[in-house]
Protein backbone atom coordinates (compact mmCIF):
# COMPACT_ATOMS: atom_id res chain seq x y z
CA MET A 1 0.02 0.00 0.00
CA TYR A 2 0.98 3.60 -0.57
CA ILE A 3 -0.30 6.79 1.18
CA ALA A 4 -0.19 10.18 -0.55
CA MET A 5 -0.78 13.27 1.53
CA ASN A 6 -0.90 16.99 0.75
CA ARG A 7 -0.78 19.50 3.61
CA PHE A 8 -2.38 22.92 3.12
CA LYS A 9 -1.91 25.98 5.30
CA VAL A 10 -5.21 27.72 4.78
CA ARG A 11 -5.65 31.41 5.42
CA PRO A 12 -8.23 31.98 8.23
CA ASP A 13 -10.25 34.36 6.08
CA SER A 14 -10.35 31.74 3.28
CA GLU A 15 -11.26 28.73 5.25
CA GLU A 16 -14.88 28.49 4.19
CA ALA A 17 -14.02 28.88 0.52
CA PHE A 18 -11.31 26.22 0.83
CA ARG A 19 -13.59 23.74 2.47
CA GLN A 20 -16.31 24.35 -0.12
CA ARG A 21 -13.85 23.86 -2.98
CA TRP A 22 -12.94 20.41 -1.57
CA LEU A 23 -16.37 19.24 -0.35
CA GLU A 24 -18.29 20.33 -3.45
CA ARG A 25 -15.92 19.07 -6.13
CA GLU A 26 -16.54 16.06 -8.41
CA VAL A 27 -14.68 13.07 -7.00
CA LEU A 28 -12.96 11.10 -9.73
CA LEU A 29 -10.77 8.91 -7.58
CA ARG A 30 -13.26 5.97 -7.50
CA THR A 31 -12.73 5.54 -11.29
CA VAL A 32 -8.98 5.02 -11.00
CA PRO A 33 -7.52 1.51 -10.68
CA GLY A 34 -5.78 0.86 -7.35
CA PHE A 35 -7.62 3.56 -5.36
CA VAL A 36 -8.52 2.46 -1.82
CA SER A 37 -9.73 5.39 0.18
CA PHE A 38 -9.61 9.20 0.60
CA GLN A 39 -9.88 11.37 3.68
CA PHE A 40 -10.10 15.26 3.86
CA LEU A 41 -8.62 16.28 7.18
CA GLN A 42 -8.85 19.39 9.28
CA GLY A 43 -5.93 19.97 11.71
CA PRO A 44 -5.05 22.49 14.28
CA ASN A 45 -5.57 26.24 14.12
CA ARG A 46 -2.39 28.33 14.16
CA GLU A 47 -1.88 32.02 14.41
CA ASP A 48 -1.67 32.54 10.63
CA HIS A 49 -3.33 29.40 9.17
CA ILE A 50 -5.50 26.36 9.75
CA LEU A 51 -3.86 23.06 8.74
CA TYR A 52 -5.74 20.84 6.29
CA ALA A 53 -4.59 17.63 4.57
CA SER A 54 -5.78 15.35 1.82
CA HIS A 55 -5.00 11.64 2.59
CA THR A 56 -5.25 9.05 -0.15
CA VAL A 57 -4.58 5.35 0.11
CA TRP A 58 -3.52 3.32 -2.92
CA GLU A 59 -2.98 -0.39 -3.44
CA SER A 60 0.56 0.40 -4.49
CA TYR A 61 2.98 3.19 -5.41
CA ASP A 62 2.47 2.23 -9.10
CA ALA A 63 -1.34 2.75 -8.69
CA PHE A 64 -0.63 6.22 -7.28
CA VAL A 65 1.70 7.07 -10.19
CA GLY A 66 -1.03 5.83 -12.51
CA TRP A 67 -3.45 8.33 -10.96
CA THR A 68 -0.96 11.26 -11.42
CA GLN A 69 -0.69 10.38 -15.10
CA SER A 70 -4.44 9.82 -15.68
CA GLU A 71 -7.04 11.94 -17.49
CA GLN A 72 -9.01 11.93 -14.16
CA PHE A 73 -6.01 13.60 -12.44
CA ARG A 74 -5.82 16.34 -15.12
CA ALA A 75 -9.55 16.94 -14.87
CA ALA A 76 -9.49 17.05 -11.03
CA HIS A 77 -6.61 19.63 -11.09
CA ALA A 78 -7.67 21.64 -14.10
CA GLY A 79 -8.47 24.78 -12.09
CA ALA A 80 -5.67 24.61 -9.62
CA GLY A 81 -3.77 27.86 -9.06
CA GLN A 82 -6.55 29.98 -10.52
CA GLY A 83 -8.49 32.55 -8.60
CA LYS A 84 -7.72 33.98 -5.13
CA ALA A 85 -4.94 32.30 -3.12
CA LEU A 86 -6.64 30.43 -0.24
CA THR A 87 -3.49 29.09 1.27
CA VAL A 88 -0.24 30.32 2.75
CA GLY A 89 2.16 28.94 0.12
CA PRO A 90 1.73 25.85 -2.03
CA PRO A 91 0.69 22.43 -0.69
CA VAL A 92 3.39 20.23 0.74
CA PHE A 93 3.33 16.62 -0.59
CA GLU A 94 4.31 13.61 1.48
CA GLY A 95 4.34 10.07 0.22
CA PHE A 96 4.58 6.97 2.40
CA GLN A 97 5.19 3.29 1.67
CA VAL A 98 3.01 1.33 4.12
CA LEU A 99 5.17 -1.11 6.13
CA GLN A 100 2.48 -2.34 8.45
CA ASN A 101 -1.33 -2.14 8.25
CA ILE A 102 -3.48 -3.35 11.16
CA GLU A 103 -7.27 -3.30 10.71
CA VAL A 104 -10.22 -4.28 12.74
């Protein structure tokens, strides 16, 4: 398994717009081979931002790479970087190879 995460430092005055952008978007992940699950996470409030993260689980690293090279990926990110900046800086990507997975 492979986990792909993006961390976003969201400006406090843009939090509602950021949340709406994520929660109201068309989700294309289900149509990509190797997709397992997705979580949209809200973290702690800081003085100048609120931390958010997207957390995606894939069957393998190759499945994740397949997503990044897919038509669905291009469609999902078509409007990225347009409009008012809602974050403090760009997202920070972190990728993890799963070494142990314990489930219920």
